[in-house]
Amino acid sequence: MAKKILIIDDSAVFRKVLHLQLKNAGYEVKEAIDGLDGFNKVTGEEFNLVICDVNMPNLDGLSFVQKVRSDEKARFVPIIMLTTESQEDKKRKGLEAGAKAWLVKPFSPDQLLNAISKLIV
């Protein structure tokens, strides 16, 4: 059975690009439009991994990670944070909040798949 990944990003174009890359790599993929939508999905069904943008409306990526880590059902799901910013302070905060990896956009499909393969058993 394919591993299931949730993509959370407010950019529909970016979600679709990631969706196609991950689907072609053999993953089952679901999408969420922001952190709040993502939180509802990740607590409503099981995912093997979450890929989450940092800057989003309604519930930003850092707040999403903190909220997920405090949820009994979803707190152990690995999370990869995505951002256009390479600010070390935000990266540190994201990792401290419980993200397992951090990628700065733009990144190559190989970089993403490599990060995923390290987190999904």
N, C-alpha and C. Protein backbone atom coordinates (compact mmCIF):
# COMPACT_ATOMS: atom_id res chain seq x y z
N MET A 1 0.84 -1.19 0.00
CA MET A 1 0.00 0.00 0.00
C MET A 1 0.88 1.25 0.00
N ALA A 2 0.50 2.24 -0.77
CA ALA A 2 1.29 3.47 -0.90
C ALA A 2 1.26 4.27 0.39
N LYS A 3 2.38 4.89 0.70
CA LYS A 3 2.47 5.79 1.85
C LYS A 3 1.69 7.06 1.52
N LYS A 4 1.01 7.62 2.54
CA LYS A 4 0.14 8.77 2.31
C LYS A 4 0.78 10.05 2.84
N ILE A 5 0.83 11.07 1.97
CA ILE A 5 1.44 12.36 2.29
C ILE A 5 0.40 13.46 2.15
N LEU A 6 0.39 14.38 3.12
CA LEU A 6 -0.47 15.56 3.07
C LEU A 6 0.39 16.77 2.73
N ILE A 7 -0.01 17.50 1.68
CA ILE A 7 0.65 18.75 1.28
C ILE A 7 -0.21 19.91 1.77
N ILE A 8 0.40 20.82 2.54
CA ILE A 8 -0.32 22.01 3.02
C ILE A 8 0.39 23.24 2.49
N ASP A 9 -0.27 23.96 1.61
CA ASP A 9 0.29 25.18 1.03
C ASP A 9 -0.85 26.02 0.48
N ASP A 10 -0.79 27.33 0.65
CA ASP A 10 -1.87 28.18 0.16
C ASP A 10 -1.77 28.45 -1.34
N SER A 11 -0.70 28.03 -1.99
CA SER A 11 -0.56 28.19 -3.43
C SER A 11 -1.07 26.94 -4.15
N ALA A 12 -2.17 27.10 -4.87
CA ALA A 12 -2.76 25.97 -5.59
C ALA A 12 -1.78 25.42 -6.63
N VAL A 13 -1.05 26.29 -7.30
CA VAL A 13 -0.09 25.86 -8.32
C VAL A 13 1.02 25.03 -7.69
N PHE A 14 1.56 25.51 -6.57
CA PHE A 14 2.63 24.77 -5.90
C PHE A 14 2.13 23.41 -5.41
N ARG A 15 0.91 23.38 -4.86
CA ARG A 15 0.34 22.11 -4.40
C ARG A 15 0.23 21.12 -5.55
N LYS A 16 -0.22 21.58 -6.70
CA LYS A 16 -0.40 20.69 -7.86
C LYS A 16 0.93 20.15 -8.36
N VAL A 17 1.95 21.00 -8.39
CA VAL A 17 3.28 20.56 -8.83
C VAL A 17 3.81 19.48 -7.89
N LEU A 18 3.75 19.75 -6.58
CA LEU A 18 4.19 18.76 -5.60
C LEU A 18 3.36 17.48 -5.69
N HIS A 19 2.06 17.64 -5.84
CA HIS A 19 1.16 16.50 -5.94
C HIS A 19 1.60 15.56 -7.07
N LEU A 20 1.85 16.13 -8.24
CA LEU A 20 2.25 15.32 -9.39
C LEU A 20 3.61 14.65 -9.15
N GLN A 21 4.57 15.38 -8.59
CA GLN A 21 5.88 14.80 -8.32
C GLN A 21 5.77 13.62 -7.36
N LEU A 22 4.99 13.79 -6.30
CA LEU A 22 4.87 12.74 -5.29
C LEU A 22 4.05 11.56 -5.80
N LYS A 23 3.00 11.85 -6.56
CA LYS A 23 2.20 10.77 -7.13
C LYS A 23 3.05 9.94 -8.09
N ASN A 24 3.86 10.61 -8.91
CA ASN A 24 4.74 9.90 -9.84
C ASN A 24 5.81 9.09 -9.12
N ALA A 25 6.12 9.48 -7.88
CA ALA A 25 7.10 8.74 -7.08
C ALA A 25 6.43 7.58 -6.31
N GLY A 26 5.13 7.42 -6.48
CA GLY A 26 4.44 6.29 -5.89
C GLY A 26 3.70 6.55 -4.58
N TYR A 27 3.58 7.82 -4.19
CA TYR A 27 2.89 8.16 -2.95
C TYR A 27 1.42 8.47 -3.21
N GLU A 28 0.58 8.21 -2.21
CA GLU A 28 -0.80 8.69 -2.22
C GLU A 28 -0.75 10.10 -1.64
N VAL A 29 -1.41 11.05 -2.28
CA VAL A 29 -1.27 12.45 -1.89
C VAL A 29 -2.62 13.10 -1.66
N LYS A 30 -2.71 13.86 -0.57
CA LYS A 30 -3.89 14.69 -0.28
C LYS A 30 -3.38 16.12 -0.14
N GLU A 31 -4.29 17.08 -0.28
CA GLU A 31 -3.92 18.49 -0.21
C GLU A 31 -4.78 19.25 0.79
N ALA A 32 -4.18 20.30 1.35
CA ALA A 32 -4.90 21.23 2.23
C ALA A 32 -4.49 22.64 1.84
N ILE A 33 -5.42 23.60 1.96
CA ILE A 33 -5.19 24.95 1.47
C ILE A 33 -4.53 25.88 2.49
N ASP A 34 -4.53 25.50 3.75
CA ASP A 34 -3.88 26.30 4.79
C ASP A 34 -3.69 25.43 6.03
N GLY A 35 -3.09 26.00 7.06
CA GLY A 35 -2.79 25.23 8.26
C GLY A 35 -4.02 24.70 8.97
N LEU A 36 -5.09 25.47 8.97
CA LEU A 36 -6.33 25.03 9.63
C LEU A 36 -6.94 23.84 8.89
N ASP A 37 -7.01 23.94 7.58
CA ASP A 37 -7.50 22.84 6.75
C ASP A 37 -6.60 21.61 6.95
N GLY A 38 -5.30 21.85 6.98
CA GLY A 38 -4.35 20.76 7.17
C GLY A 38 -4.50 20.09 8.52
N PHE A 39 -4.71 20.89 9.57
CA PHE A 39 -4.89 20.32 10.90
C PHE A 39 -6.13 19.44 10.94
N ASN A 40 -7.21 19.91 10.34
CA ASN A 40 -8.45 19.11 10.31
C ASN A 40 -8.23 17.79 9.58
N LYS A 41 -7.44 17.82 8.51
CA LYS A 41 -7.19 16.59 7.75
C LYS A 41 -6.25 15.65 8.48
N VAL A 42 -5.18 16.18 9.07
CA VAL A 42 -4.19 15.32 9.71
C VAL A 42 -4.73 14.70 11.00
N THR A 43 -5.73 15.33 11.60
CA THR A 43 -6.34 14.73 12.80
C THR A 43 -7.53 13.86 12.44
N GLY A 44 -7.97 13.91 11.20
CA GLY A 44 -9.13 13.12 10.77
C GLY A 44 -8.77 11.82 10.08
N GLU A 45 -7.54 11.70 9.60
CA GLU A 45 -7.10 10.45 8.97
C GLU A 45 -5.59 10.30 9.16
N GLU A 46 -5.09 9.10 8.92
CA GLU A 46 -3.67 8.84 9.14
C GLU A 46 -2.84 9.20 7.92
N PHE A 47 -1.72 9.90 8.18
CA PHE A 47 -0.75 10.23 7.14
C PHE A 47 0.61 9.74 7.59
N ASN A 48 1.44 9.37 6.63
CA ASN A 48 2.81 8.95 6.92
C ASN A 48 3.75 10.14 6.99
N LEU A 49 3.34 11.28 6.40
CA LEU A 49 4.18 12.47 6.36
C LEU A 49 3.33 13.68 5.99
N VAL A 50 3.74 14.85 6.51
CA VAL A 50 3.11 16.12 6.14
C VAL A 50 4.18 17.04 5.59
N ILE A 51 3.88 17.69 4.48
CA ILE A 51 4.74 18.72 3.91
C ILE A 51 3.98 20.03 4.05
N CYS A 52 4.55 21.00 4.76
CA CYS A 52 3.81 22.19 5.16
C CYS A 52 4.59 23.47 4.87
N ASP A 53 3.95 24.42 4.22
CA ASP A 53 4.54 25.74 4.01
C ASP A 53 4.56 26.49 5.34
N VAL A 54 5.46 27.45 5.45
CA VAL A 54 5.55 28.25 6.68
C VAL A 54 4.55 29.39 6.66
N ASN A 55 4.52 30.16 5.57
CA ASN A 55 3.69 31.37 5.50
C ASN A 55 2.35 31.06 4.83
N MET A 56 1.29 30.98 5.66
CA MET A 56 -0.05 30.70 5.17
C MET A 56 -1.07 31.47 5.98
N PRO A 57 -2.25 31.70 5.41
CA PRO A 57 -3.32 32.35 6.17
C PRO A 57 -3.98 31.38 7.15
N ASN A 58 -4.76 31.91 8.05
CA ASN A 58 -5.57 31.17 9.03
C ASN A 58 -4.76 30.47 10.12
N LEU A 59 -3.78 29.67 9.75
CA LEU A 59 -2.90 29.01 10.72
C LEU A 59 -1.56 28.81 10.01
N ASP A 60 -0.55 29.58 10.42
CA ASP A 60 0.74 29.48 9.73
C ASP A 60 1.43 28.16 10.05
N GLY A 61 2.51 27.88 9.33
CA GLY A 61 3.19 26.60 9.45
C GLY A 61 3.73 26.31 10.84
N LEU A 62 4.33 27.29 11.48
CA LEU A 62 4.88 27.07 12.82
C LEU A 62 3.76 26.77 13.83
N SER A 63 2.67 27.51 13.73
CA SER A 63 1.53 27.26 14.62
C SER A 63 0.91 25.89 14.33
N PHE A 64 0.88 25.52 13.05
CA PHE A 64 0.37 24.20 12.67
C PHE A 64 1.20 23.10 13.34
N VAL A 65 2.52 23.21 13.26
CA VAL A 65 3.40 22.18 13.85
C VAL A 65 3.14 22.09 15.36
N GLN A 66 3.07 23.23 16.02
CA GLN A 66 2.83 23.23 17.47
C GLN A 66 1.49 22.57 17.81
N LYS A 67 0.48 22.89 17.03
CA LYS A 67 -0.86 22.34 17.27
C LYS A 67 -0.88 20.82 17.03
N VAL A 68 -0.22 20.38 15.97
CA VAL A 68 -0.16 18.94 15.68
C VAL A 68 0.59 18.20 16.77
N ARG A 69 1.69 18.77 17.23
CA ARG A 69 2.50 18.10 18.26
C ARG A 69 1.76 17.97 19.60
N SER A 70 0.73 18.78 19.79
CA SER A 70 -0.05 18.68 21.03
C SER A 70 -1.29 17.80 20.85
N ASP A 71 -1.49 17.26 19.64
CA ASP A 71 -2.66 16.42 19.38
C ASP A 71 -2.29 14.94 19.58
N GLU A 72 -3.10 14.25 20.35
CA GLU A 72 -2.83 12.85 20.69
C GLU A 72 -2.71 11.95 19.46
N LYS A 73 -3.59 12.14 18.46
CA LYS A 73 -3.61 11.27 17.28
C LYS A 73 -2.48 11.55 16.30
N ALA A 74 -2.14 12.81 16.12
CA ALA A 74 -1.25 13.18 15.02
C ALA A 74 0.16 13.58 15.44
N ARG A 75 0.45 13.60 16.71
CA ARG A 75 1.69 14.22 17.16
C ARG A 75 2.98 13.57 16.69
N PHE A 76 2.92 12.31 16.24
CA PHE A 76 4.15 11.64 15.80
C PHE A 76 4.34 11.66 14.28
N VAL A 77 3.44 12.29 13.55
CA VAL A 77 3.58 12.36 12.08
C VAL A 77 4.77 13.25 11.74
N PRO A 78 5.72 12.75 10.93
CA PRO A 78 6.85 13.60 10.52
C PRO A 78 6.37 14.77 9.66
N ILE A 79 6.96 15.94 9.90
CA ILE A 79 6.59 17.15 9.16
C ILE A 79 7.83 17.76 8.52
N ILE A 80 7.73 18.05 7.22
CA ILE A 80 8.77 18.79 6.50
C ILE A 80 8.23 20.20 6.27
N MET A 81 8.97 21.20 6.72
CA MET A 81 8.58 22.60 6.52
C MET A 81 9.19 23.12 5.22
N LEU A 82 8.40 23.91 4.49
CA LEU A 82 8.85 24.54 3.25
C LEU A 82 8.72 26.05 3.38
N THR A 83 9.71 26.77 2.89
CA THR A 83 9.62 28.22 2.93
C THR A 83 10.49 28.84 1.84
N THR A 84 10.23 30.09 1.54
CA THR A 84 11.07 30.83 0.61
C THR A 84 12.16 31.56 1.38
N GLU A 85 12.11 31.45 2.69
CA GLU A 85 13.06 32.16 3.55
C GLU A 85 14.12 31.21 4.10
N SER A 86 15.34 31.68 4.15
CA SER A 86 16.40 30.85 4.70
C SER A 86 16.84 31.37 6.07
N GLN A 87 15.95 32.11 6.73
CA GLN A 87 16.29 32.69 8.02
C GLN A 87 16.50 31.59 9.06
N GLU A 88 17.67 31.59 9.65
CA GLU A 88 18.02 30.57 10.63
C GLU A 88 17.11 30.59 11.85
N ASP A 89 16.64 31.78 12.25
CA ASP A 89 15.78 31.88 13.42
C ASP A 89 14.47 31.12 13.21
N LYS A 90 13.87 31.30 12.02
CA LYS A 90 12.61 30.60 11.72
C LYS A 90 12.86 29.10 11.61
N LYS A 91 13.97 28.73 11.00
CA LYS A 91 14.30 27.31 10.88
C LYS A 91 14.44 26.69 12.27
N ARG A 92 15.16 27.35 13.15
CA ARG A 92 15.36 26.85 14.51
C ARG A 92 14.02 26.71 15.23
N LYS A 93 13.15 27.73 15.08
CA LYS A 93 11.83 27.68 15.72
C LYS A 93 11.00 26.52 15.18
N GLY A 94 11.07 26.30 13.88
CA GLY A 94 10.32 25.20 13.26
C GLY A 94 10.79 23.85 13.76
N LEU A 95 12.09 23.66 13.83
CA LEU A 95 12.64 22.40 14.30
C LEU A 95 12.36 22.20 15.79
N GLU A 96 12.46 23.29 16.55
CA GLU A 96 12.13 23.20 17.98
C GLU A 96 10.66 22.87 18.21
N ALA A 97 9.80 23.36 17.31
CA ALA A 97 8.36 23.10 17.43
C ALA A 97 8.03 21.64 17.11
N GLY A 98 8.94 20.98 16.38
CA GLY A 98 8.71 19.57 16.08
C GLY A 98 8.79 19.18 14.63
N ALA A 99 9.13 20.12 13.74
CA ALA A 99 9.35 19.75 12.34
C ALA A 99 10.60 18.87 12.27
N LYS A 100 10.62 17.93 11.35
CA LYS A 100 11.75 17.00 11.23
C LYS A 100 12.74 17.41 10.14
N ALA A 101 12.30 18.28 9.22
CA ALA A 101 13.18 18.75 8.14
C ALA A 101 12.69 20.11 7.67
N TRP A 102 13.58 20.83 6.98
CA TRP A 102 13.31 22.19 6.52
C TRP A 102 13.91 22.35 5.14
N LEU A 103 13.09 22.69 4.15
CA LEU A 103 13.59 22.92 2.79
C LEU A 103 13.24 24.35 2.36
N VAL A 104 14.22 25.00 1.72
CA VAL A 104 14.02 26.36 1.22
C VAL A 104 13.66 26.27 -0.26
N LYS A 105 12.54 26.92 -0.63
CA LYS A 105 12.11 27.00 -2.03
C LYS A 105 13.03 27.96 -2.78
N PRO A 106 13.37 27.71 -4.01
CA PRO A 106 13.06 26.50 -4.77
C PRO A 106 14.02 25.36 -4.39
N PHE A 107 13.52 24.16 -4.46
CA PHE A 107 14.33 22.97 -4.20
C PHE A 107 14.06 21.99 -5.33
N SER A 108 14.97 21.06 -5.53
CA SER A 108 14.80 20.09 -6.61
C SER A 108 13.91 18.95 -6.15
N PRO A 109 13.27 18.26 -7.08
CA PRO A 109 12.48 17.07 -6.71
C PRO A 109 13.34 16.05 -5.95
N ASP A 110 14.60 15.91 -6.35
CA ASP A 110 15.49 14.97 -5.66
C ASP A 110 15.72 15.35 -4.21
N GLN A 111 15.86 16.65 -3.94
CA GLN A 111 16.04 17.10 -2.55
C GLN A 111 14.82 16.73 -1.71
N LEU A 112 13.63 16.96 -2.27
CA LEU A 112 12.40 16.65 -1.55
C LEU A 112 12.27 15.14 -1.33
N LEU A 113 12.47 14.35 -2.38
CA LEU A 113 12.33 12.91 -2.26
C LEU A 113 13.37 12.32 -1.30
N ASN A 114 14.55 12.89 -1.28
CA ASN A 114 15.59 12.46 -0.34
C ASN A 114 15.16 12.73 1.10
N ALA A 115 14.61 13.94 1.35
CA ALA A 115 14.15 14.29 2.70
C ALA A 115 13.00 13.36 3.12
N ILE A 116 12.10 13.06 2.19
CA ILE A 116 10.97 12.17 2.48
C ILE A 116 11.48 10.77 2.81
N SER A 117 12.41 10.28 2.02
CA SER A 117 12.89 8.90 2.23
C SER A 117 13.58 8.73 3.58
N LYS A 118 14.13 9.81 4.12
CA LYS A 118 14.76 9.74 5.44
C LYS A 118 13.74 9.69 6.57
N LEU A 119 12.51 10.15 6.30
CA LEU A 119 11.49 10.26 7.35
C LEU A 119 10.41 9.19 7.29
N ILE A 120 10.17 8.63 6.11
CA ILE A 120 9.14 7.60 5.98
C ILE A 120 9.83 6.24 5.99
N VAL A 121 9.40 5.40 6.91
CA VAL A 121 9.99 4.06 7.02
C VAL A 121 9.23 3.09 6.14
